[in-house]
Protein backbone atom coordinates (compact mmCIF):
# COMPACT_ATOMS: atom_id res chain seq x y z
CA MET A 1 97.97 113.94 94.27
CA ALA A 2 96.89 110.49 94.63
CA PRO A 3 97.53 108.32 91.51
CA SER A 4 94.69 107.58 89.07
CA PRO A 5 94.08 103.85 89.33
CA ALA A 6 93.61 101.79 86.14
CA HIS A 7 89.90 101.04 85.26
CA SER A 8 90.66 97.23 85.04
CA ILE A 9 93.50 95.13 86.54
CA PRO A 10 96.58 94.89 84.39
CA GLY A 11 97.18 91.76 82.77
CA THR A 12 100.77 91.46 84.56
CA MET A 13 99.38 91.45 88.00
CA LEU A 14 100.14 87.78 88.85
CA CYS A 15 101.35 87.97 92.58
CA LEU A 16 101.63 90.75 95.16
CA ALA A 17 105.07 91.63 94.10
CA ASP A 18 103.81 92.67 90.72
CA TYR A 19 101.30 94.89 92.60
CA GLN A 20 104.22 96.43 94.44
CA ARG A 21 106.56 96.97 91.30
CA GLU A 22 103.43 98.58 89.47
CA ALA A 23 102.54 100.81 92.68
CA ALA A 24 106.05 102.21 92.68
CA GLN A 25 105.96 103.50 89.15
CA ARG A 26 102.63 105.35 89.83
CA VAL A 27 102.95 106.78 93.33
CA ASP A 28 104.57 109.88 93.92
CA PRO A 29 108.38 109.18 95.18
CA ALA A 30 107.75 111.01 98.52
CA ILE A 31 104.69 109.21 99.19
CA TRP A 32 106.39 105.80 98.37
CA ALA A 33 109.23 106.79 100.77
CA TRP A 34 106.30 107.15 103.53
CA LEU A 35 104.58 103.99 102.66
CA GLU A 36 107.55 101.68 102.16
CA GLY A 37 109.80 103.27 104.76
CA ALA A 38 110.43 101.99 108.28
CA SER A 39 111.75 103.29 111.57
CA GLY A 40 115.45 104.00 111.51
CA SER A 41 117.72 102.02 109.58
CA GLY A 42 115.00 99.55 108.73
CA MET A 43 116.17 96.43 110.43
CA ALA A 44 112.98 95.25 112.11
CA ARG A 45 111.46 95.14 108.68
CA GLN A 46 114.37 93.37 107.16
CA ARG A 47 114.10 90.70 109.78
CA GLU A 48 110.37 90.39 109.05
CA GLN A 49 110.82 89.73 105.30
CA ALA A 50 113.80 87.29 106.16
CA SER A 51 111.90 85.35 108.75
CA PHE A 52 109.59 83.51 106.20
CA ALA A 53 112.36 82.10 104.15
CA ARG A 54 113.73 80.11 107.25
CA HIS A 55 110.99 77.68 106.72
CA ALA A 56 110.16 75.36 104.02
CA ILE A 57 106.43 73.51 103.51
CA LEU A 58 106.78 69.79 103.42
CA PRO A 59 104.84 68.26 100.33
CA ARG A 60 102.41 65.34 101.12
CA VAL A 61 100.78 62.88 98.73
CA LEU A 62 98.07 60.47 98.91
CA ALA A 63 96.02 62.97 101.17
CA PRO A 64 92.28 63.23 100.24
CA VAL A 65 92.13 66.88 99.43
CA ALA A 66 89.19 67.03 97.14
CA HIS A 67 87.04 68.73 99.49
CA GLY A 68 89.34 71.43 101.03
CA SER A 69 88.41 74.96 102.31
CA THR A 70 90.05 78.06 103.78
CA ARG A 71 86.94 79.09 105.79
CA LEU A 72 87.08 79.81 109.45
CA ARG A 73 85.14 81.34 112.48
CA LEU A 74 86.92 84.28 113.90
CA LEU A 75 85.71 86.12 117.13
CA GLY A 76 82.16 84.74 116.22
CA GLN A 77 82.44 86.05 112.41
CA ASP A 78 82.46 83.55 109.51
CA LEU A 79 85.24 84.34 107.09
CA ALA A 80 86.09 82.93 103.58
CA HIS A 81 89.80 82.93 104.22
CA PRO A 82 92.37 83.90 107.01
CA VAL A 83 93.55 87.08 105.33
CA LEU A 84 92.35 90.37 106.76
CA LEU A 85 93.09 93.81 105.95
CA GLY A 86 95.26 95.45 108.68
CA PRO A 87 94.94 99.18 109.78
CA VAL A 88 97.14 101.47 107.70
CA GLY A 89 96.37 105.35 107.71
CA TYR A 90 95.76 107.80 104.90
CA HIS A 91 94.52 105.63 102.00
CA GLN A 92 93.59 108.85 100.13
CA LEU A 93 97.44 109.26 99.46
CA LEU A 94 96.92 106.28 97.21
CA HIS A 95 93.42 106.57 95.74
CA PRO A 96 91.00 109.65 95.48
CA GLN A 97 88.34 107.43 97.24
CA GLY A 98 90.81 106.51 99.82
CA GLU A 99 89.25 104.08 102.24
CA LEU A 100 86.06 103.83 100.66
CA ALA A 101 87.58 102.06 97.79
CA THR A 102 89.42 99.63 100.05
CA ALA A 103 86.40 98.91 101.80
CA ALA A 104 84.60 98.14 98.54
CA GLY A 105 87.30 95.62 97.52
CA ALA A 106 87.43 93.79 100.77
CA LEU A 107 85.38 91.01 99.78
CA GLU A 108 84.45 88.12 102.45
CA THR A 109 87.16 89.51 104.97
CA VAL A 110 87.58 91.83 107.62
CA MET A 111 88.75 95.47 106.99
CA CYS A 112 90.34 96.86 110.11
CA LEU A 113 89.94 100.94 109.83
CA SER A 114 92.60 102.96 111.37
CA THR A 115 92.27 105.79 113.79
CA MET A 116 94.28 107.66 111.06
CA SER A 117 91.97 106.94 108.31
CA SER A 118 91.32 109.82 105.62
CA VAL A 119 87.61 109.08 105.59
CA ALA A 120 85.38 108.65 108.47
CA VAL A 121 84.15 105.31 109.91
CA GLU A 122 80.57 106.26 109.47
CA GLN A 123 81.14 106.57 105.68
CA VAL A 124 83.44 103.58 105.39
CA ALA A 125 80.80 101.62 107.12
CA THR A 126 78.29 102.03 104.00
CA ARG A 127 80.95 100.38 101.73
CA ALA A 128 82.13 97.57 103.71
CA GLN A 129 81.87 94.22 101.91
CA GLY A 130 82.54 92.08 105.29
CA PRO A 131 83.00 92.73 108.96
CA LEU A 132 84.52 96.31 110.01
CA TRP A 133 87.03 96.23 112.64
CA PHE A 134 88.06 99.61 114.20
CA GLN A 135 91.77 100.07 115.22
CA LEU A 136 92.22 102.48 118.17
CA TYR A 137 95.01 104.49 119.12
CA TRP A 138 94.86 105.63 122.65
CA GLN A 139 94.38 109.28 123.42
CA ALA A 140 95.81 111.18 126.12
CA ARG A 141 92.37 111.86 128.06
CA ARG A 142 90.13 108.85 128.60
CA GLU A 143 86.98 110.64 127.33
CA ASP A 144 88.47 111.28 123.94
CA THR A 145 89.41 107.63 123.48
CA LEU A 146 85.90 106.80 124.70
CA THR A 147 84.51 109.21 121.86
CA LEU A 148 86.47 107.25 119.30
CA VAL A 149 84.88 103.83 120.87
CA ARG A 150 81.51 105.16 120.66
CA ARG A 151 81.96 106.32 117.15
CA ALA A 152 83.14 102.68 116.06
CA GLU A 153 80.06 101.14 118.09
CA ALA A 154 77.56 103.40 116.20
CA ALA A 155 79.05 102.62 112.83
CA GLY A 156 78.67 99.11 113.37
CA ALA A 157 82.27 97.93 113.94
CA ARG A 158 82.60 94.25 115.15
CA ALA A 159 85.76 94.52 117.22
CA LEU A 160 88.28 97.13 118.55
CA VAL A 161 92.10 96.84 117.98
CA LEU A 162 93.94 98.74 120.34
CA THR A 163 97.41 99.46 119.03
CA LEU A 164 99.98 99.39 121.90
CA ASP A 165 103.45 99.38 120.21
CA THR A 166 103.90 102.87 119.15
CA LEU A 167 104.53 104.90 122.39
CA ALA A 168 106.63 106.85 120.43
CA GLN A 169 107.25 105.80 116.46
CA PRO A 170 111.11 106.40 115.68
CA ALA A 171 111.36 108.50 112.41
CA SER A 172 111.87 106.73 109.09
CA HIS A 173 115.02 108.18 107.65
CA HIS A 174 113.96 107.30 104.30
CA ALA A 175 110.69 109.44 104.63
CA ILE A 176 112.51 112.32 106.21
CA ARG A 177 115.02 112.49 103.19
CA SER A 178 112.29 112.27 100.85
CA GLY A 179 110.64 115.60 102.19
CA PHE A 180 107.30 113.50 102.76
CA ALA A 181 104.52 115.79 104.42
CA LEU A 182 100.62 115.00 104.36
CA PRO A 183 99.04 117.21 101.72
CA PRO A 184 96.60 119.79 103.16
CA HIS A 185 93.22 118.12 102.08
CA ILE A 186 94.37 114.77 103.69
CA SER A 187 94.32 114.22 107.43
CA ALA A 188 93.21 112.06 110.17
CA VAL A 189 89.46 112.79 110.19
CA HIS A 190 88.68 110.84 113.58
CA LEU A 191 91.10 113.20 115.53
CA ARG A 192 89.79 116.58 113.91
CA ASP A 193 87.84 117.26 117.11
CA ILE A 194 90.01 115.73 119.56
CA PRO A 195 92.41 118.54 121.29
CA PRO A 196 96.21 118.08 121.38
CA ALA A 197 97.68 116.16 124.21
CA PRO A 198 98.74 118.63 127.03
CA THR A 199 102.53 119.15 127.42
CA ILE A 200 103.73 117.29 130.28
CA ALA A 201 107.25 118.04 131.84
CA GLY A 202 109.44 114.79 132.10
CA HIS A 203 113.00 113.76 132.39
CA TRP A 204 113.70 112.30 128.85
CA TYR A 205 116.08 114.09 126.79
CA HIS A 206 114.16 113.62 123.79
CA PRO A 207 111.72 116.59 123.68
CA ALA A 208 108.64 114.65 122.34
CA LEU A 209 109.05 111.54 124.58
CA ALA A 210 108.02 112.88 127.83
CA GLY A 211 104.42 113.76 126.76
CA LEU A 212 103.99 110.64 124.72
CA ALA A 213 105.20 108.44 127.76
CA ALA A 214 102.93 110.17 130.11
CA ALA A 215 100.03 109.50 127.63
CA ALA A 216 100.49 105.94 126.76
CA PRO A 217 98.15 103.35 128.36
CA VAL A 218 99.04 101.16 131.27
CA LEU A 219 97.40 97.76 132.44
CA GLU A 220 94.75 99.86 134.34
CA ASP A 221 93.79 101.54 131.46
CA LEU A 222 92.94 98.35 129.65
CA HIS A 223 90.72 97.05 132.42
CA TRP A 224 88.93 100.60 132.03
CA LEU A 225 88.46 100.06 128.41
CA ARG A 226 87.28 96.54 128.82
CA SER A 227 84.59 97.96 131.13
CA GLN A 228 83.47 100.41 128.53
CA THR A 229 82.42 98.28 125.63
CA ASP A 230 80.85 94.73 124.91
CA LEU A 231 83.01 94.50 121.57
CA PRO A 232 85.77 92.02 121.42
CA LEU A 233 89.12 93.59 122.15
CA ILE A 234 92.28 92.85 120.46
CA ALA A 235 95.65 94.22 121.38
CA LYS A 236 98.04 95.11 118.47
CA GLY A 237 101.80 95.33 118.81
CA VAL A 238 102.52 92.66 121.26
CA CYS A 239 105.58 90.72 121.38
CA HIS A 240 106.48 89.74 124.92
CA THR A 241 104.44 86.51 126.34
CA GLY A 242 104.22 88.21 129.72
CA ASP A 243 102.60 91.35 128.40
CA ALA A 244 100.31 89.18 126.30
CA GLN A 245 99.24 87.15 129.57
CA ALA A 246 98.40 90.25 131.55
CA ILE A 247 96.34 91.73 128.49
CA MET A 248 94.30 88.52 128.21
CA GLN A 249 93.81 88.54 131.69
CA ALA A 250 92.34 92.10 131.42
CA GLY A 251 89.57 90.62 129.49
CA PHE A 252 90.84 90.80 125.85
CA ALA A 253 89.89 88.44 123.10
CA GLY A 254 93.19 88.30 121.57
CA LEU A 255 96.15 89.97 120.15
CA VAL A 256 98.28 90.66 116.95
CA ILE A 257 101.93 90.06 117.19
CA SER A 258 103.33 92.98 115.31
CA THR A 259 106.19 95.47 115.04
CA HIS A 260 103.95 97.84 113.17
CA GLY A 261 105.49 96.97 109.74
CA GLY A 262 108.96 97.66 111.06
CA ARG A 263 107.82 101.18 112.25
CA ALA A 264 108.43 100.70 116.04
CA LEU A 265 111.41 99.29 117.50
CA ASP A 266 114.14 99.08 114.96
CA GLU A 267 115.82 96.17 116.71
CA ALA A 268 112.81 94.36 117.36
CA PRO A 269 112.61 90.60 116.37
CA ALA A 270 110.43 89.39 113.48
CA PRO A 271 106.72 88.78 114.40
CA LEU A 272 106.77 84.96 112.78
CA ALA A 273 109.81 84.06 115.25
CA LEU A 274 107.66 84.85 118.16
CA LEU A 275 104.54 83.06 117.33
CA PRO A 276 105.45 79.54 118.91
CA ALA A 277 106.08 80.70 122.21
CA MET A 278 103.27 83.16 122.05
CA ARG A 279 100.96 80.18 121.22
CA ALA A 280 102.67 77.93 123.94
CA ALA A 281 101.90 80.71 126.24
CA LEU A 282 98.41 81.71 125.89
CA GLY A 283 97.07 78.18 124.84
CA GLY A 284 94.94 77.00 121.93
CA ASP A 285 91.71 79.19 122.70
CA ALA A 286 93.43 82.77 122.49
CA VAL A 287 92.93 84.46 119.22
CA ILE A 288 96.44 85.33 117.66
CA LEU A 289 97.14 87.26 114.63
CA ILE A 290 100.20 88.60 113.05
CA ASP A 291 101.31 90.92 110.63
CA GLY A 292 104.69 91.89 108.90
CA SER A 293 105.75 91.39 105.31
CA ILE A 294 103.27 88.33 104.31
CA ARG A 295 103.38 88.73 100.42
CA SER A 296 102.32 84.97 99.43
CA GLY A 297 100.01 82.47 100.28
CA GLY A 298 102.92 80.33 101.34
CA ASP A 299 103.62 83.03 104.00
CA VAL A 300 100.15 82.68 105.05
CA PHE A 301 100.50 78.99 105.53
CA LYS A 302 103.78 79.37 107.45
CA ALA A 303 102.11 81.90 110.08
CA LEU A 304 99.00 79.61 110.44
CA ALA A 305 101.53 76.51 110.69
CA LEU A 306 103.59 78.36 113.61
CA GLY A 307 100.46 79.26 115.57
CA ALA A 308 98.65 82.09 113.98
CA ASP A 309 94.60 82.22 113.60
CA ALA A 310 94.83 84.61 110.82
CA VAL A 311 97.18 87.26 109.21
CA LEU A 312 96.76 91.04 108.65
CA LEU A 313 97.91 92.84 105.39
CA GLY A 314 99.22 96.41 105.52
CA ARG A 315 101.05 97.62 102.70
CA PRO A 316 99.86 95.16 100.00
CA GLN A 317 96.32 96.68 100.26
CA LEU A 318 97.66 100.04 99.41
CA HIS A 319 99.82 98.89 96.43
CA ALA A 320 96.73 97.09 94.98
CA LEU A 321 94.57 100.35 95.66
CA ALA A 322 97.04 102.53 93.93
CA VAL A 323 97.10 100.15 90.85
CA ALA A 324 93.66 99.30 90.24
CA GLY A 325 91.48 100.86 93.22
CA SER A 326 88.66 98.21 94.45
CA LEU A 327 89.25 95.91 91.81
CA GLY A 328 92.91 95.64 92.60
CA VAL A 329 92.04 95.28 96.37
CA ALA A 330 89.82 92.30 95.53
CA HIS A 331 92.11 90.56 92.97
CA MET A 332 94.89 90.87 95.51
CA LEU A 333 92.88 89.21 98.05
CA LYS A 334 91.86 86.55 95.52
CA LEU A 335 95.48 85.91 94.61
CA LEU A 336 96.32 85.12 98.32
CA ARG A 337 93.51 82.91 98.71
CA GLU A 338 94.37 80.94 95.50
CA GLU A 339 97.96 80.72 96.75
CA LEU A 340 96.88 79.47 100.03
CA GLU A 341 94.62 76.75 98.50
CA LEU A 342 97.19 75.60 96.19
CA THR A 343 99.79 75.44 99.01
CA MET A 344 97.32 73.43 101.30
CA ALA A 345 96.29 70.88 98.69
CA LEU A 346 100.16 70.28 97.74
CA ALA A 347 100.84 70.09 101.57
CA GLY A 348 98.01 67.69 102.12
CA CYS A 349 95.73 70.06 104.29
CA THR A 350 91.99 70.23 103.74
CA SER A 351 91.39 72.72 106.50
CA LEU A 352 93.02 75.36 108.39
CA ALA A 353 93.13 73.09 111.21
CA ASP A 354 95.54 70.78 109.38
CA ILE A 355 98.06 73.41 108.96
CA THR A 356 100.37 72.74 111.89
CA PRO A 357 104.02 72.81 112.61
CA ALA A 358 104.42 69.39 111.37
CA CYS A 359 103.82 70.91 107.94
CA LEU A 360 107.26 72.98 108.09
CA ILE A 361 110.87 71.91 107.82
CA PRO A 362 113.75 74.24 108.13
CA ALA A 363 114.73 75.84 104.94
């Protein structure tokens, strides 16, 4: 059962850590293990969490900051701030209305709806308060991938985010030990009519890996996808600059540096550590987003300073959803925007363009 969210925001919710602590008290322990768990031993997530503390923000004085703003234009879309809601599946585990409630709270920003959503994109589009993007998992058959693309287009999605980093998703030890399983009334609704991938023989010892590897997209598939839609395409889960350059040459508008919240390769580096090299490799015009353990306006500032255009939030949106539904999601975003504004003012920055590597020093 999803927790019953509060009808108002508890007065103790002063930062994202408060929402996380309160959600932990409300959510079923097995569901919490699924939400907070990461692949294997959790090392990738630990690296993400530690990466932000390696940088400090240099305070500035005498800067004229009276007319500051967090606004930006991203993929032709005007946004109030650079904090977007990233794709996370199964929101109904945390709230009876699931993604409908999240969409209603995503004020003045992008919500990226997962292929694994527990509510259909057509319904979520009716509640979206800002631009709606659709996160796409590649299917074993191109025609099934195209079915998802056409549904997203028809619902009014403004961009497609193709996730590439979970060819195989290593199990979360924490979630397995908890006995987590999806309740029968919750499922990935977009995949209900898509047949299972065919079994393909291979040489991998791992029994599931052969089929997964055979179905994973290659560069030719990205060129095909580019030819099938006019929507901007973003590749999610890209860490290697060579991969990124090939993806951009295939006609993608940008990418997300991500390790799937620590749910992909357990030995992966922190996305924040990869930002400077990625920006140097792709230049100033490429759209580069980042996710992974962003929990404060200062974290947002550091990501922008190191080369990101905007950031994506994963788990925090579900923490807020579990505590106070749509109100919680909207309030969580408000807290981050206010923290970012305060950080900018104290660092002497009046616009996002002023946030550069020169704003940071080693901590």
